[in-house]
Amino acid sequence: MTKATKTQANRAKTEANILRAAGAVFAQKGFAGTAMDAVAKQAGLSKQLIIYYFPGKEKLYQAVLENMIDLWLEKMQFNDDPSASPADIISDYIRQKIELSRDYPNGSKVFAHEIINGAPVLKTYLIENLRPAFERDITIIERWIAAGLIK
């Protein structure tokens, strides 16, 4: 492993640690109740290092939310296998959603709170990143309807 590769790996590991810690604190205290000191303590890092990676609570909160959406997009799209039944595809989708919520309870809670509040931080990111995935899934559902597979 080259020095540059090690540095990138360490940076990614540190960012993941910070996002995990921030997710836990935001889930417990909400955005308004969260202090960068609490995130630093949860992560076992200095506040200065947290701010180096995420310059401000708003940027950190947005990163936690975007990370959750990226996980969702990675794991939760309808399978476009024409040989699979709609029931199997929908069951698989639901199973993946439950697994994602189980594996990332803090991120799921922070994301749900953001959505309940009208997505003030995520609105643009949702439109740019989630909408295309939903439109793809809608196309699949419309194809099922046209083929008489669902009503």
N, C-alpha and C. Protein backbone atom coordinates (compact mmCIF):
# COMPACT_ATOMS: atom_id res chain seq x y z
N MET A 1 0.85 -1.18 0.00
CA MET A 1 0.00 0.00 0.00
C MET A 1 0.89 1.24 0.00
N THR A 2 0.65 2.14 -0.92
CA THR A 2 1.45 3.37 -1.00
C THR A 2 1.05 4.31 0.12
N LYS A 3 1.89 5.30 0.34
CA LYS A 3 1.61 6.29 1.38
C LYS A 3 0.31 7.04 1.08
N ALA A 4 0.09 7.40 -0.19
CA ALA A 4 -1.13 8.11 -0.58
C ALA A 4 -2.36 7.23 -0.34
N THR A 5 -2.25 5.95 -0.66
CA THR A 5 -3.37 5.03 -0.46
C THR A 5 -3.68 4.87 1.02
N LYS A 6 -2.62 4.77 1.85
CA LYS A 6 -2.81 4.68 3.30
C LYS A 6 -3.50 5.93 3.83
N THR A 7 -3.06 7.08 3.35
CA THR A 7 -3.65 8.34 3.79
C THR A 7 -5.13 8.40 3.42
N GLN A 8 -5.46 7.99 2.21
CA GLN A 8 -6.87 7.97 1.78
C GLN A 8 -7.68 7.00 2.62
N ALA A 9 -7.11 5.84 2.92
CA ALA A 9 -7.81 4.84 3.73
C ALA A 9 -8.03 5.37 5.15
N ASN A 10 -7.01 6.02 5.71
CA ASN A 10 -7.16 6.59 7.05
C ASN A 10 -8.20 7.71 7.07
N ARG A 11 -8.20 8.52 6.04
CA ARG A 11 -9.18 9.61 5.95
C ARG A 11 -10.60 9.04 5.86
N ALA A 12 -10.79 8.04 5.04
CA ALA A 12 -12.11 7.42 4.90
C ALA A 12 -12.55 6.79 6.22
N LYS A 13 -11.63 6.15 6.91
CA LYS A 13 -11.95 5.53 8.20
C LYS A 13 -12.32 6.59 9.23
N THR A 14 -11.58 7.68 9.26
CA THR A 14 -11.88 8.77 10.20
C THR A 14 -13.22 9.40 9.88
N GLU A 15 -13.49 9.66 8.60
CA GLU A 15 -14.78 10.23 8.21
C GLU A 15 -15.93 9.31 8.60
N ALA A 16 -15.77 8.01 8.37
CA ALA A 16 -16.82 7.05 8.72
C ALA A 16 -17.05 7.04 10.23
N ASN A 17 -15.98 7.12 11.01
CA ASN A 17 -16.09 7.17 12.46
C ASN A 17 -16.84 8.42 12.91
N ILE A 18 -16.51 9.55 12.30
CA ILE A 18 -17.18 10.81 12.64
C ILE A 18 -18.65 10.74 12.27
N LEU A 19 -18.96 10.23 11.08
CA LEU A 19 -20.36 10.14 10.65
C LEU A 19 -21.16 9.21 11.55
N ARG A 20 -20.56 8.10 11.97
CA ARG A 20 -21.23 7.18 12.89
C ARG A 20 -21.53 7.86 14.22
N ALA A 21 -20.51 8.54 14.75
CA ALA A 21 -20.68 9.24 16.03
C ALA A 21 -21.70 10.36 15.92
N ALA A 22 -21.62 11.13 14.85
CA ALA A 22 -22.56 12.24 14.64
C ALA A 22 -23.98 11.70 14.50
N GLY A 23 -24.14 10.61 13.77
CA GLY A 23 -25.47 10.00 13.62
C GLY A 23 -26.05 9.63 14.97
N ALA A 24 -25.23 9.07 15.85
CA ALA A 24 -25.71 8.69 17.18
C ALA A 24 -26.13 9.92 17.99
N VAL A 25 -25.33 10.97 17.93
CA VAL A 25 -25.65 12.17 18.71
C VAL A 25 -26.85 12.91 18.12
N PHE A 26 -26.89 13.08 16.80
CA PHE A 26 -28.05 13.73 16.18
C PHE A 26 -29.33 12.93 16.43
N ALA A 27 -29.25 11.61 16.40
CA ALA A 27 -30.43 10.77 16.65
C ALA A 27 -30.93 10.95 18.08
N GLN A 28 -30.01 11.10 19.00
CA GLN A 28 -30.39 11.22 20.41
C GLN A 28 -30.84 12.63 20.76
N LYS A 29 -30.15 13.65 20.25
CA LYS A 29 -30.39 15.02 20.71
C LYS A 29 -31.03 15.93 19.67
N GLY A 30 -31.13 15.46 18.43
CA GLY A 30 -31.64 16.32 17.37
C GLY A 30 -30.59 17.32 16.94
N PHE A 31 -30.89 18.04 15.86
CA PHE A 31 -29.92 19.00 15.34
C PHE A 31 -29.65 20.11 16.35
N ALA A 32 -30.71 20.72 16.86
CA ALA A 32 -30.56 21.86 17.77
C ALA A 32 -29.83 21.48 19.05
N GLY A 33 -30.04 20.27 19.54
CA GLY A 33 -29.44 19.85 20.80
C GLY A 33 -28.04 19.27 20.68
N THR A 34 -27.55 19.16 19.47
CA THR A 34 -26.23 18.55 19.25
C THR A 34 -25.15 19.61 19.25
N ALA A 35 -24.08 19.33 19.97
CA ALA A 35 -22.90 20.19 19.97
C ALA A 35 -21.74 19.41 19.36
N MET A 36 -20.86 20.11 18.70
CA MET A 36 -19.69 19.46 18.09
C MET A 36 -18.84 18.78 19.17
N ASP A 37 -18.82 19.34 20.38
CA ASP A 37 -18.08 18.70 21.48
C ASP A 37 -18.63 17.31 21.76
N ALA A 38 -19.95 17.16 21.72
CA ALA A 38 -20.57 15.86 21.98
C ALA A 38 -20.22 14.86 20.88
N VAL A 39 -20.17 15.32 19.65
CA VAL A 39 -19.79 14.45 18.53
C VAL A 39 -18.33 14.02 18.70
N ALA A 40 -17.47 14.97 19.05
CA ALA A 40 -16.05 14.66 19.25
C ALA A 40 -15.88 13.62 20.36
N LYS A 41 -16.60 13.80 21.45
CA LYS A 41 -16.52 12.85 22.56
C LYS A 41 -17.00 11.47 22.12
N GLN A 42 -18.11 11.42 21.41
CA GLN A 42 -18.67 10.15 20.93
C GLN A 42 -17.69 9.45 19.97
N ALA A 43 -17.00 10.24 19.15
CA ALA A 43 -16.05 9.68 18.17
C ALA A 43 -14.69 9.36 18.78
N GLY A 44 -14.42 9.91 19.97
CA GLY A 44 -13.11 9.72 20.57
C GLY A 44 -12.03 10.53 19.88
N LEU A 45 -12.44 11.67 19.32
CA LEU A 45 -11.53 12.55 18.59
C LEU A 45 -11.62 13.96 19.15
N SER A 46 -10.70 14.81 18.75
CA SER A 46 -10.76 16.21 19.18
C SER A 46 -11.82 16.96 18.37
N LYS A 47 -12.35 17.99 18.98
CA LYS A 47 -13.32 18.84 18.27
C LYS A 47 -12.67 19.47 17.05
N GLN A 48 -11.40 19.84 17.17
CA GLN A 48 -10.69 20.46 16.05
C GLN A 48 -10.62 19.50 14.85
N LEU A 49 -10.41 18.22 15.12
CA LEU A 49 -10.34 17.26 14.03
C LEU A 49 -11.72 17.09 13.37
N ILE A 50 -12.76 17.09 14.18
CA ILE A 50 -14.12 17.00 13.63
C ILE A 50 -14.36 18.19 12.69
N ILE A 51 -13.98 19.38 13.14
CA ILE A 51 -14.19 20.59 12.35
C ILE A 51 -13.29 20.60 11.10
N TYR A 52 -12.12 20.00 11.19
CA TYR A 52 -11.25 19.88 10.02
C TYR A 52 -11.96 19.09 8.92
N TYR A 53 -12.59 18.00 9.29
CA TYR A 53 -13.29 17.16 8.32
C TYR A 53 -14.64 17.73 7.91
N PHE A 54 -15.34 18.32 8.85
CA PHE A 54 -16.69 18.86 8.60
C PHE A 54 -16.77 20.24 9.25
N PRO A 55 -16.53 21.30 8.47
CA PRO A 55 -16.44 22.66 9.03
C PRO A 55 -17.80 23.24 9.43
N GLY A 56 -18.32 22.74 10.52
CA GLY A 56 -19.58 23.25 11.04
C GLY A 56 -20.61 22.16 11.23
N LYS A 57 -21.47 22.39 12.19
CA LYS A 57 -22.51 21.41 12.52
C LYS A 57 -23.45 21.18 11.34
N GLU A 58 -23.75 22.21 10.58
CA GLU A 58 -24.65 22.08 9.43
C GLU A 58 -24.07 21.13 8.38
N LYS A 59 -22.78 21.30 8.10
CA LYS A 59 -22.10 20.43 7.11
C LYS A 59 -22.07 18.98 7.60
N LEU A 60 -21.84 18.80 8.88
CA LEU A 60 -21.80 17.46 9.45
C LEU A 60 -23.18 16.81 9.39
N TYR A 61 -24.20 17.56 9.74
CA TYR A 61 -25.58 17.05 9.69
C TYR A 61 -25.95 16.66 8.26
N GLN A 62 -25.61 17.53 7.32
CA GLN A 62 -25.89 17.24 5.91
C GLN A 62 -25.15 15.98 5.46
N ALA A 63 -23.91 15.82 5.90
CA ALA A 63 -23.13 14.64 5.51
C ALA A 63 -23.75 13.36 6.08
N VAL A 64 -24.25 13.41 7.31
CA VAL A 64 -24.92 12.24 7.90
C VAL A 64 -26.14 11.88 7.06
N LEU A 65 -26.93 12.87 6.69
CA LEU A 65 -28.13 12.64 5.89
C LEU A 65 -27.78 12.12 4.49
N GLU A 66 -26.82 12.74 3.84
CA GLU A 66 -26.44 12.31 2.50
C GLU A 66 -25.86 10.90 2.51
N ASN A 67 -25.12 10.57 3.55
CA ASN A 67 -24.59 9.22 3.69
C ASN A 67 -25.73 8.20 3.78
N MET A 68 -26.78 8.55 4.51
CA MET A 68 -27.92 7.64 4.64
C MET A 68 -28.63 7.47 3.30
N ILE A 69 -28.80 8.54 2.57
CA ILE A 69 -29.44 8.45 1.25
C ILE A 69 -28.58 7.61 0.30
N ASP A 70 -27.28 7.82 0.35
CA ASP A 70 -26.39 7.05 -0.52
C ASP A 70 -26.48 5.55 -0.21
N LEU A 71 -26.56 5.20 1.08
CA LEU A 71 -26.75 3.80 1.46
C LEU A 71 -28.08 3.29 0.92
N TRP A 72 -29.12 4.11 1.06
CA TRP A 72 -30.44 3.73 0.59
C TRP A 72 -30.40 3.46 -0.92
N LEU A 73 -29.81 4.37 -1.66
CA LEU A 73 -29.74 4.22 -3.12
C LEU A 73 -28.94 2.98 -3.52
N GLU A 74 -27.91 2.70 -2.75
CA GLU A 74 -27.07 1.54 -3.04
C GLU A 74 -27.82 0.23 -2.81
N LYS A 75 -28.66 0.18 -1.78
CA LYS A 75 -29.27 -1.07 -1.36
C LYS A 75 -30.73 -1.23 -1.73
N MET A 76 -31.41 -0.14 -2.04
CA MET A 76 -32.86 -0.21 -2.13
C MET A 76 -33.40 0.29 -3.46
N GLN A 77 -33.21 -0.48 -4.48
CA GLN A 77 -33.86 -0.18 -5.75
C GLN A 77 -34.54 -1.46 -6.22
N PHE A 78 -35.63 -1.28 -6.90
CA PHE A 78 -36.33 -2.44 -7.44
C PHE A 78 -35.39 -3.20 -8.37
N ASN A 79 -35.44 -4.50 -8.25
CA ASN A 79 -34.72 -5.38 -9.16
C ASN A 79 -35.45 -5.32 -10.50
N ASP A 80 -34.72 -5.08 -11.56
CA ASP A 80 -35.34 -4.95 -12.88
C ASP A 80 -35.26 -6.27 -13.66
N ASP A 81 -35.27 -7.37 -12.94
CA ASP A 81 -35.21 -8.69 -13.57
C ASP A 81 -36.59 -9.05 -14.10
N PRO A 82 -36.76 -9.13 -15.42
CA PRO A 82 -38.08 -9.41 -15.98
C PRO A 82 -38.62 -10.79 -15.60
N SER A 83 -37.75 -11.70 -15.17
CA SER A 83 -38.23 -13.03 -14.79
C SER A 83 -38.72 -13.09 -13.34
N ALA A 84 -38.43 -12.04 -12.56
CA ALA A 84 -38.87 -12.01 -11.16
C ALA A 84 -40.29 -11.44 -11.09
N SER A 85 -41.07 -11.97 -10.17
CA SER A 85 -42.45 -11.49 -10.02
C SER A 85 -42.47 -10.18 -9.24
N PRO A 86 -43.49 -9.35 -9.46
CA PRO A 86 -43.63 -8.12 -8.67
C PRO A 86 -43.64 -8.41 -7.17
N ALA A 87 -44.32 -9.49 -6.76
CA ALA A 87 -44.38 -9.82 -5.33
C ALA A 87 -42.99 -10.09 -4.78
N ASP A 88 -42.17 -10.82 -5.52
CA ASP A 88 -40.80 -11.10 -5.07
C ASP A 88 -39.96 -9.83 -5.02
N ILE A 89 -40.11 -8.99 -6.02
CA ILE A 89 -39.33 -7.75 -6.07
C ILE A 89 -39.73 -6.82 -4.92
N ILE A 90 -41.02 -6.67 -4.69
CA ILE A 90 -41.50 -5.80 -3.61
C ILE A 90 -41.10 -6.37 -2.25
N SER A 91 -41.21 -7.69 -2.08
CA SER A 91 -40.80 -8.33 -0.83
C SER A 91 -39.31 -8.09 -0.56
N ASP A 92 -38.51 -8.22 -1.61
CA ASP A 92 -37.08 -7.99 -1.48
C ASP A 92 -36.79 -6.54 -1.10
N TYR A 93 -37.52 -5.61 -1.70
CA TYR A 93 -37.37 -4.18 -1.41
C TYR A 93 -37.69 -3.91 0.06
N ILE A 94 -38.79 -4.46 0.54
CA ILE A 94 -39.19 -4.26 1.94
C ILE A 94 -38.15 -4.87 2.88
N ARG A 95 -37.67 -6.06 2.55
CA ARG A 95 -36.65 -6.71 3.37
C ARG A 95 -35.38 -5.85 3.44
N GLN A 96 -34.99 -5.29 2.31
CA GLN A 96 -33.80 -4.43 2.29
C GLN A 96 -34.01 -3.18 3.13
N LYS A 97 -35.21 -2.61 3.09
CA LYS A 97 -35.51 -1.42 3.90
C LYS A 97 -35.42 -1.75 5.38
N ILE A 98 -35.98 -2.88 5.77
CA ILE A 98 -35.93 -3.29 7.18
C ILE A 98 -34.48 -3.53 7.61
N GLU A 99 -33.71 -4.20 6.76
CA GLU A 99 -32.31 -4.45 7.08
C GLU A 99 -31.52 -3.15 7.20
N LEU A 100 -31.78 -2.21 6.31
CA LEU A 100 -31.09 -0.92 6.36
C LEU A 100 -31.43 -0.18 7.65
N SER A 101 -32.69 -0.18 8.03
CA SER A 101 -33.11 0.48 9.27
C SER A 101 -32.50 -0.21 10.48
N ARG A 102 -32.42 -1.54 10.43
CA ARG A 102 -31.83 -2.30 11.54
C ARG A 102 -30.32 -2.04 11.63
N ASP A 103 -29.65 -2.04 10.48
CA ASP A 103 -28.20 -1.88 10.47
C ASP A 103 -27.75 -0.45 10.74
N TYR A 104 -28.61 0.52 10.42
CA TYR A 104 -28.27 1.94 10.59
C TYR A 104 -29.41 2.66 11.32
N PRO A 105 -29.69 2.28 12.57
CA PRO A 105 -30.84 2.87 13.26
C PRO A 105 -30.70 4.38 13.50
N ASN A 106 -29.50 4.83 13.80
CA ASN A 106 -29.32 6.26 14.05
C ASN A 106 -29.50 7.08 12.77
N GLY A 107 -28.88 6.63 11.70
CA GLY A 107 -29.03 7.33 10.43
C GLY A 107 -30.48 7.34 9.97
N SER A 108 -31.17 6.22 10.17
CA SER A 108 -32.58 6.14 9.79
C SER A 108 -33.42 7.12 10.61
N LYS A 109 -33.11 7.23 11.89
CA LYS A 109 -33.86 8.15 12.76
C LYS A 109 -33.61 9.61 12.35
N VAL A 110 -32.36 9.95 12.09
CA VAL A 110 -32.03 11.31 11.67
C VAL A 110 -32.70 11.62 10.33
N PHE A 111 -32.67 10.68 9.39
CA PHE A 111 -33.29 10.85 8.09
C PHE A 111 -34.81 11.04 8.24
N ALA A 112 -35.44 10.19 9.05
CA ALA A 112 -36.89 10.29 9.25
C ALA A 112 -37.26 11.65 9.84
N HIS A 113 -36.48 12.12 10.80
CA HIS A 113 -36.74 13.42 11.41
C HIS A 113 -36.63 14.54 10.37
N GLU A 114 -35.63 14.44 9.52
CA GLU A 114 -35.45 15.45 8.46
C GLU A 114 -36.66 15.46 7.53
N ILE A 115 -37.13 14.30 7.12
CA ILE A 115 -38.27 14.21 6.21
C ILE A 115 -39.53 14.73 6.88
N ILE A 116 -39.76 14.36 8.12
CA ILE A 116 -40.94 14.83 8.86
C ILE A 116 -40.97 16.35 8.93
N ASN A 117 -39.80 16.96 9.00
CA ASN A 117 -39.71 18.41 9.08
C ASN A 117 -39.65 19.10 7.72
N GLY A 118 -39.97 18.38 6.66
CA GLY A 118 -40.04 18.98 5.33
C GLY A 118 -38.73 19.00 4.57
N ALA A 119 -37.74 18.26 5.03
CA ALA A 119 -36.43 18.14 4.36
C ALA A 119 -35.77 19.49 4.10
N PRO A 120 -35.67 20.36 5.11
CA PRO A 120 -35.07 21.67 4.85
C PRO A 120 -33.60 21.60 4.42
N VAL A 121 -32.87 20.63 4.92
CA VAL A 121 -31.45 20.50 4.57
C VAL A 121 -31.27 19.68 3.30
N LEU A 122 -32.14 18.70 3.10
CA LEU A 122 -31.95 17.73 2.04
C LEU A 122 -32.72 17.96 0.77
N LYS A 123 -33.57 18.95 0.72
CA LYS A 123 -34.48 19.10 -0.42
C LYS A 123 -33.77 18.97 -1.77
N THR A 124 -32.74 19.73 -1.99
CA THR A 124 -32.02 19.71 -3.27
C THR A 124 -31.36 18.36 -3.50
N TYR A 125 -30.73 17.83 -2.48
CA TYR A 125 -30.04 16.54 -2.61
C TYR A 125 -31.04 15.43 -2.94
N LEU A 126 -32.21 15.48 -2.33
CA LEU A 126 -33.25 14.49 -2.62
C LEU A 126 -33.69 14.57 -4.07
N ILE A 127 -33.93 15.78 -4.54
CA ILE A 127 -34.38 15.96 -5.92
C ILE A 127 -33.32 15.45 -6.90
N GLU A 128 -32.07 15.76 -6.63
CA GLU A 128 -30.99 15.38 -7.55
C GLU A 128 -30.64 13.90 -7.49
N ASN A 129 -30.79 13.28 -6.32
CA ASN A 129 -30.30 11.91 -6.16
C ASN A 129 -31.39 10.86 -5.98
N LEU A 130 -32.44 11.18 -5.24
CA LEU A 130 -33.47 10.19 -4.96
C LEU A 130 -34.53 10.14 -6.05
N ARG A 131 -34.85 11.29 -6.61
CA ARG A 131 -35.89 11.33 -7.64
C ARG A 131 -35.60 10.40 -8.82
N PRO A 132 -34.38 10.39 -9.38
CA PRO A 132 -34.12 9.47 -10.50
C PRO A 132 -34.36 8.00 -10.12
N ALA A 133 -34.00 7.62 -8.91
CA ALA A 133 -34.23 6.24 -8.47
C ALA A 133 -35.72 5.94 -8.37
N PHE A 134 -36.48 6.89 -7.82
CA PHE A 134 -37.93 6.69 -7.72
C PHE A 134 -38.56 6.63 -9.11
N GLU A 135 -38.10 7.49 -10.01
CA GLU A 135 -38.65 7.48 -11.37
C GLU A 135 -38.37 6.14 -12.06
N ARG A 136 -37.21 5.59 -11.82
CA ARG A 136 -36.87 4.27 -12.37
C ARG A 136 -37.82 3.22 -11.81
N ASP A 137 -38.06 3.26 -10.49
CA ASP A 137 -38.97 2.29 -9.87
C ASP A 137 -40.41 2.47 -10.38
N ILE A 138 -40.82 3.71 -10.60
CA ILE A 138 -42.16 3.98 -11.14
C ILE A 138 -42.30 3.37 -12.53
N THR A 139 -41.26 3.50 -13.34
CA THR A 139 -41.28 2.91 -14.68
C THR A 139 -41.47 1.39 -14.61
N ILE A 140 -40.81 0.76 -13.66
CA ILE A 140 -40.96 -0.69 -13.48
C ILE A 140 -42.39 -1.03 -13.08
N ILE A 141 -42.96 -0.27 -12.15
CA ILE A 141 -44.34 -0.52 -11.71
C ILE A 141 -45.32 -0.30 -12.86
N GLU A 142 -45.11 0.76 -13.63
CA GLU A 142 -45.98 1.01 -14.80
C GLU A 142 -45.90 -0.14 -15.80
N ARG A 143 -44.72 -0.70 -15.96
CA ARG A 143 -44.55 -1.85 -16.86
C ARG A 143 -45.34 -3.06 -16.34
N TRP A 144 -45.31 -3.27 -15.02
CA TRP A 144 -46.09 -4.37 -14.42
C TRP A 144 -47.59 -4.17 -14.66
N ILE A 145 -48.04 -2.92 -14.49
CA ILE A 145 -49.46 -2.62 -14.71
C ILE A 145 -49.83 -2.89 -16.16
N ALA A 146 -49.01 -2.39 -17.08
CA ALA A 146 -49.29 -2.58 -18.51
C ALA A 146 -49.31 -4.06 -18.90
N ALA A 147 -48.50 -4.86 -18.22
CA ALA A 147 -48.45 -6.29 -18.52
C ALA A 147 -49.53 -7.08 -17.77
N GLY A 148 -50.32 -6.37 -16.95
CA GLY A 148 -51.38 -7.04 -16.19
C GLY A 148 -50.87 -7.83 -15.00
N LEU A 149 -49.64 -7.57 -14.57
CA LEU A 149 -49.07 -8.29 -13.43
C LEU A 149 -49.57 -7.76 -12.09
N ILE A 150 -49.94 -6.47 -12.07
CA ILE A 150 -50.55 -5.86 -10.88
C ILE A 150 -51.64 -4.90 -11.34
N LYS A 151 -52.53 -4.58 -10.42
CA LYS A 151 -53.61 -3.64 -10.74
C LYS A 151 -53.44 -2.36 -9.96
